[in-house]
Structure formats: C-alpha cells, structure tokens
Amino acid sequence: MLKSLPNWPARVAAAHTISREMRAGEKYVFQPARFAGLRIPALLLLGGDSPPKFKRAIESVHAALPQSRVAVMPGQQHAAINTAPDLFLREVLGFLRT
C-alpha cells in the first residue's frame, strides 16, 4: 500500500535517516513539566486500534499540554494519514476551524 502513495519516492530517499531517528527516539526522555507553560491549542491524533504504548504516550502528552485535545480515529492505527486520509483530514481541519 505504501508503494502506491505519491510520497513513496521521498520515503525511499529518506530511508538512510531511519536508524538515526530511531536512536534519537530511544534517547529522548519526556519531561512533562517542560510543556506546562505552553498555551497554544494542540491536536493529538490517536488511532482507535493503536497499540497500548501509543495510547499511553498520547495520555501523557495530553496531561502535559494544558490546551490539548485528543481525537480518536476509529479503526485506525499509527498511519491514518495514509490508510484513512479523509478521516485524518476531517479531524485536522475540524481542529483548525475551532
């Protein structure tokens, strides 16, 4: 499915960055207090079928961001932008209109 998307060539071209990005993600330590002062609206997207680790991460970020909102996309996992673009856009555009 990913190969059929218009951004597939860009994904392949950036493949060499994956290991660096994975290492950076493994080293990152989330410190909720660093974000407590942010006063901008934030939309956190969560797939309804996402693994528990993603749900826990969204809950942690939501608790740390005073003006965040969680939108759960039913039947989706991590890549709803690719697997359900209409649903993804509906959530994002709805957030931007508020």
N, C-alpha and C. Protein backbone atom coordinates (compact mmCIF):
# COMPACT_ATOMS: atom_id res chain seq x y z
N MET A 1 0.81 -1.18 0.00
CA MET A 1 0.00 0.00 0.00
C MET A 1 0.86 1.25 0.00
N LEU A 2 1.92 1.26 0.80
CA LEU A 2 2.78 2.44 0.87
C LEU A 2 3.43 2.76 -0.48
N LYS A 3 3.78 1.73 -1.23
CA LYS A 3 4.41 1.95 -2.54
C LYS A 3 3.48 2.66 -3.51
N SER A 4 2.19 2.57 -3.29
CA SER A 4 1.24 3.22 -4.20
C SER A 4 1.02 4.69 -3.87
N LEU A 5 1.54 5.17 -2.75
CA LEU A 5 1.32 6.56 -2.35
C LEU A 5 2.27 7.50 -3.09
N PRO A 6 1.81 8.74 -3.32
CA PRO A 6 2.65 9.70 -4.03
C PRO A 6 3.97 10.01 -3.31
N ASN A 7 3.99 9.87 -1.99
CA ASN A 7 5.22 10.21 -1.25
C ASN A 7 6.20 9.04 -1.14
N TRP A 8 5.93 7.93 -1.80
CA TRP A 8 6.81 6.77 -1.72
C TRP A 8 8.25 7.10 -2.14
N PRO A 9 8.48 7.77 -3.25
CA PRO A 9 9.88 8.09 -3.62
C PRO A 9 10.60 8.91 -2.54
N ALA A 10 9.91 9.83 -1.91
CA ALA A 10 10.53 10.62 -0.84
C ALA A 10 10.85 9.75 0.37
N ARG A 11 9.98 8.80 0.67
CA ARG A 11 10.23 7.87 1.78
C ARG A 11 11.48 7.05 1.52
N VAL A 12 11.60 6.54 0.30
CA VAL A 12 12.77 5.74 -0.06
C VAL A 12 14.04 6.61 0.00
N ALA A 13 13.95 7.83 -0.49
CA ALA A 13 15.11 8.72 -0.48
C ALA A 13 15.56 9.04 0.94
N ALA A 14 14.64 9.04 1.89
CA ALA A 14 14.97 9.37 3.28
C ALA A 14 15.25 8.13 4.13
N ALA A 15 15.24 6.96 3.53
CA ALA A 15 15.41 5.72 4.30
C ALA A 15 16.71 5.70 5.10
N HIS A 16 17.73 6.33 4.60
CA HIS A 16 19.02 6.32 5.31
C HIS A 16 18.95 7.04 6.66
N THR A 17 17.90 7.82 6.92
CA THR A 17 17.78 8.55 8.18
C THR A 17 17.07 7.74 9.27
N ILE A 18 16.49 6.62 8.91
CA ILE A 18 15.66 5.86 9.86
C ILE A 18 16.44 5.44 11.10
N SER A 19 17.61 4.88 10.93
CA SER A 19 18.35 4.40 12.12
C SER A 19 18.72 5.56 13.04
N ARG A 20 19.10 6.70 12.48
CA ARG A 20 19.42 7.88 13.29
C ARG A 20 18.18 8.34 14.05
N GLU A 21 17.04 8.38 13.39
CA GLU A 21 15.80 8.81 14.04
C GLU A 21 15.38 7.83 15.14
N MET A 22 15.56 6.56 14.91
CA MET A 22 15.23 5.56 15.93
C MET A 22 16.12 5.73 17.16
N ARG A 23 17.40 5.96 16.95
CA ARG A 23 18.31 6.17 18.08
C ARG A 23 17.92 7.42 18.86
N ALA A 24 17.58 8.48 18.17
CA ALA A 24 17.19 9.73 18.84
C ALA A 24 15.92 9.51 19.66
N GLY A 25 14.98 8.78 19.11
CA GLY A 25 13.74 8.50 19.83
C GLY A 25 13.97 7.65 21.08
N GLU A 26 14.90 6.74 21.00
CA GLU A 26 15.20 5.88 22.15
C GLU A 26 15.87 6.66 23.28
N LYS A 27 16.59 7.72 22.95
CA LYS A 27 17.30 8.51 23.95
C LYS A 27 16.42 9.59 24.58
N TYR A 28 15.34 9.95 23.90
CA TYR A 28 14.51 11.06 24.38
C TYR A 28 13.82 10.69 25.69
N VAL A 29 13.85 11.63 26.64
CA VAL A 29 13.17 11.46 27.92
C VAL A 29 12.09 12.54 28.01
N PHE A 30 10.86 12.12 28.05
CA PHE A 30 9.74 13.06 28.13
C PHE A 30 9.67 13.66 29.52
N GLN A 31 9.72 14.98 29.59
CA GLN A 31 9.64 15.70 30.85
C GLN A 31 8.41 16.61 30.81
N PRO A 32 7.28 16.14 31.31
CA PRO A 32 6.01 16.88 31.20
C PRO A 32 6.09 18.32 31.68
N ALA A 33 6.84 18.60 32.71
CA ALA A 33 6.91 19.96 33.25
C ALA A 33 7.44 20.97 32.23
N ARG A 34 8.25 20.51 31.29
CA ARG A 34 8.78 21.42 30.26
C ARG A 34 7.68 22.00 29.38
N PHE A 35 6.53 21.34 29.32
CA PHE A 35 5.47 21.74 28.41
C PHE A 35 4.30 22.42 29.11
N ALA A 36 4.33 22.47 30.41
CA ALA A 36 3.20 23.01 31.18
C ALA A 36 2.88 24.46 30.86
N GLY A 37 3.86 25.23 30.44
CA GLY A 37 3.65 26.64 30.16
C GLY A 37 3.14 26.93 28.75
N LEU A 38 3.05 25.92 27.92
CA LEU A 38 2.56 26.14 26.56
C LEU A 38 1.08 26.48 26.58
N ARG A 39 0.71 27.54 25.91
CA ARG A 39 -0.68 27.98 25.90
C ARG A 39 -1.23 28.04 24.48
N ILE A 40 -0.84 27.09 23.66
CA ILE A 40 -1.36 27.03 22.31
C ILE A 40 -2.19 25.75 22.17
N PRO A 41 -3.25 25.80 21.39
CA PRO A 41 -4.06 24.59 21.18
C PRO A 41 -3.23 23.53 20.46
N ALA A 42 -3.42 22.28 20.85
CA ALA A 42 -2.71 21.17 20.22
C ALA A 42 -3.69 20.03 20.00
N LEU A 43 -3.65 19.46 18.82
CA LEU A 43 -4.47 18.30 18.50
C LEU A 43 -3.59 17.06 18.55
N LEU A 44 -4.00 16.09 19.33
CA LEU A 44 -3.29 14.82 19.43
C LEU A 44 -4.16 13.76 18.78
N LEU A 45 -3.66 13.14 17.74
CA LEU A 45 -4.41 12.14 17.00
C LEU A 45 -4.02 10.75 17.48
N LEU A 46 -5.03 9.93 17.71
CA LEU A 46 -4.81 8.56 18.18
C LEU A 46 -5.68 7.62 17.38
N GLY A 47 -5.09 6.56 16.89
CA GLY A 47 -5.87 5.53 16.22
C GLY A 47 -6.62 4.70 17.25
N GLY A 48 -7.88 4.45 17.01
CA GLY A 48 -8.68 3.64 17.93
C GLY A 48 -8.14 2.24 18.11
N ASP A 49 -7.41 1.74 17.11
CA ASP A 49 -6.81 0.41 17.19
C ASP A 49 -5.30 0.46 17.44
N SER A 50 -4.82 1.60 17.91
CA SER A 50 -3.39 1.74 18.19
C SER A 50 -2.97 0.85 19.34
N PRO A 51 -1.72 0.41 19.34
CA PRO A 51 -1.21 -0.39 20.46
C PRO A 51 -1.25 0.42 21.76
N PRO A 52 -1.34 -0.26 22.88
CA PRO A 52 -1.39 0.42 24.18
C PRO A 52 -0.28 1.43 24.41
N LYS A 53 0.93 1.18 23.89
CA LYS A 53 2.03 2.12 24.12
C LYS A 53 1.73 3.48 23.49
N PHE A 54 1.04 3.51 22.36
CA PHE A 54 0.68 4.79 21.74
C PHE A 54 -0.40 5.49 22.55
N LYS A 55 -1.33 4.71 23.07
CA LYS A 55 -2.40 5.30 23.91
C LYS A 55 -1.79 5.92 25.17
N ARG A 56 -0.85 5.23 25.78
CA ARG A 56 -0.20 5.76 26.99
C ARG A 56 0.58 7.04 26.66
N ALA A 57 1.25 7.04 25.53
CA ALA A 57 2.02 8.22 25.13
C ALA A 57 1.10 9.41 24.91
N ILE A 58 -0.01 9.20 24.23
CA ILE A 58 -0.96 10.29 23.98
C ILE A 58 -1.52 10.80 25.30
N GLU A 59 -1.86 9.91 26.21
CA GLU A 59 -2.39 10.33 27.52
C GLU A 59 -1.37 11.18 28.28
N SER A 60 -0.10 10.80 28.20
CA SER A 60 0.95 11.56 28.89
C SER A 60 1.12 12.95 28.30
N VAL A 61 1.13 13.02 26.99
CA VAL A 61 1.29 14.32 26.33
C VAL A 61 0.06 15.18 26.58
N HIS A 62 -1.11 14.58 26.50
CA HIS A 62 -2.35 15.32 26.75
C HIS A 62 -2.37 15.90 28.17
N ALA A 63 -1.93 15.13 29.13
CA ALA A 63 -1.88 15.61 30.51
C ALA A 63 -0.88 16.76 30.67
N ALA A 64 0.16 16.77 29.85
CA ALA A 64 1.21 17.79 29.97
C ALA A 64 0.87 19.08 29.22
N LEU A 65 0.03 18.99 28.21
CA LEU A 65 -0.31 20.17 27.41
C LEU A 65 -1.67 20.72 27.85
N PRO A 66 -1.68 21.87 28.49
CA PRO A 66 -2.92 22.42 29.05
C PRO A 66 -4.05 22.62 28.04
N GLN A 67 -3.72 22.92 26.80
CA GLN A 67 -4.78 23.19 25.83
C GLN A 67 -4.81 22.15 24.71
N SER A 68 -4.56 20.90 25.07
CA SER A 68 -4.58 19.85 24.06
C SER A 68 -5.94 19.17 24.02
N ARG A 69 -6.19 18.56 22.88
CA ARG A 69 -7.41 17.79 22.67
C ARG A 69 -7.01 16.49 21.98
N VAL A 70 -7.62 15.39 22.39
CA VAL A 70 -7.34 14.09 21.78
C VAL A 70 -8.50 13.73 20.85
N ALA A 71 -8.16 13.38 19.63
CA ALA A 71 -9.14 12.88 18.67
C ALA A 71 -8.81 11.42 18.39
N VAL A 72 -9.75 10.55 18.68
CA VAL A 72 -9.55 9.12 18.43
C VAL A 72 -10.19 8.79 17.08
N MET A 73 -9.40 8.21 16.20
CA MET A 73 -9.88 7.84 14.87
C MET A 73 -10.21 6.34 14.87
N PRO A 74 -11.49 6.01 14.88
CA PRO A 74 -11.91 4.61 14.97
C PRO A 74 -11.34 3.75 13.84
N GLY A 75 -10.95 2.55 14.20
CA GLY A 75 -10.48 1.59 13.21
C GLY A 75 -9.10 1.87 12.65
N GLN A 76 -8.39 2.84 13.21
CA GLN A 76 -7.08 3.22 12.67
C GLN A 76 -5.98 2.88 13.66
N GLN A 77 -4.77 2.84 13.11
CA GLN A 77 -3.59 2.69 13.95
C GLN A 77 -2.71 3.91 13.73
N HIS A 78 -1.41 3.70 13.58
CA HIS A 78 -0.45 4.81 13.55
C HIS A 78 -0.43 5.59 12.24
N ALA A 79 -0.87 5.01 11.16
CA ALA A 79 -0.69 5.64 9.84
C ALA A 79 -2.01 6.07 9.20
N ALA A 80 -2.91 6.62 9.97
CA ALA A 80 -4.21 7.03 9.42
C ALA A 80 -4.09 8.04 8.29
N ILE A 81 -3.04 8.82 8.30
CA ILE A 81 -2.85 9.78 7.21
C ILE A 81 -2.77 9.05 5.86
N ASN A 82 -2.29 7.81 5.89
CA ASN A 82 -2.20 7.00 4.67
C ASN A 82 -3.38 6.06 4.50
N THR A 83 -3.87 5.49 5.59
CA THR A 83 -4.91 4.47 5.50
C THR A 83 -6.33 5.04 5.51
N ALA A 84 -6.50 6.24 6.05
CA ALA A 84 -7.82 6.87 6.11
C ALA A 84 -7.66 8.39 5.97
N PRO A 85 -7.15 8.85 4.82
CA PRO A 85 -6.86 10.27 4.68
C PRO A 85 -8.08 11.17 4.87
N ASP A 86 -9.26 10.73 4.47
CA ASP A 86 -10.46 11.56 4.67
C ASP A 86 -10.76 11.76 6.15
N LEU A 87 -10.65 10.70 6.92
CA LEU A 87 -10.87 10.79 8.37
C LEU A 87 -9.81 11.69 9.00
N PHE A 88 -8.57 11.47 8.62
CA PHE A 88 -7.46 12.27 9.13
C PHE A 88 -7.70 13.76 8.84
N LEU A 89 -8.03 14.07 7.60
CA LEU A 89 -8.28 15.47 7.22
C LEU A 89 -9.47 16.06 7.96
N ARG A 90 -10.51 15.29 8.13
CA ARG A 90 -11.69 15.77 8.86
C ARG A 90 -11.30 16.19 10.28
N GLU A 91 -10.50 15.39 10.94
CA GLU A 91 -10.06 15.72 12.30
C GLU A 91 -9.18 16.97 12.32
N VAL A 92 -8.21 17.02 11.42
CA VAL A 92 -7.28 18.15 11.39
C VAL A 92 -8.00 19.44 11.01
N LEU A 93 -8.80 19.40 9.95
CA LEU A 93 -9.50 20.61 9.52
C LEU A 93 -10.52 21.06 10.56
N GLY A 94 -11.20 20.11 11.20
CA GLY A 94 -12.13 20.47 12.27
C GLY A 94 -11.42 21.18 13.42
N PHE A 95 -10.25 20.70 13.75
CA PHE A 95 -9.45 21.34 14.81
C PHE A 95 -9.03 22.74 14.40
N LEU A 96 -8.58 22.89 13.17
CA LEU A 96 -8.11 24.20 12.71
C LEU A 96 -9.24 25.22 12.63
N ARG A 97 -10.46 24.75 12.45
CA ARG A 97 -11.60 25.66 12.35
C ARG A 97 -12.10 26.13 13.71
N THR A 98 -11.66 25.48 14.78
CA THR A 98 -12.15 25.87 16.12
C THR A 98 -11.33 26.98 16.71
